Amino acid sequence: MRERERERERGNKVKFLISAFMILGFLFATQSFAGTPLESQIIKGDHQQLAMYYSDQAQEFKAQARFWEGAAENYEHHPELYKVSDIAEQAAHCRTIARDFRKMADEAAGLASEHMSRSRKGQ
């Protein structure tokens, strides 16, 4: 019985940590869009700075995708820490988040490329 309680406590701790990382990831992702420097770059039409901004965003999103993919692998490679019925669901959830971050990275890279092209053309 005690072993089961310890496993449950470990599982709860891991779930708490994963939830905390999800919240932090969301905050970091949204914080970068809320700043006024981006707004001033848009108003000025500073395509070179915008290209750099979106390139940085793409890198951050790729890092987040790697993190979430690692979280999914952790669920799969350490099932003893979790309830058996939750492992596949949690791993799939983490992979969905990773996929979303990869999509955001691709979109940001596309915007970076577009703004770099406009910068070169002098627009």
Foldseek 3Di string as FASTA:
>chain_A
DVVVVVLVVLLVVVVVVVVVVVVVLVCVLVVLVPDCVVVVCVVVLVLQVLLVSLLVLLVSLQVQLVVLQVVLVCLVVCVSSHDPVCNVVSSVVSNVSSVVSNVSSVVSNVSSVVSVVCVVVVD
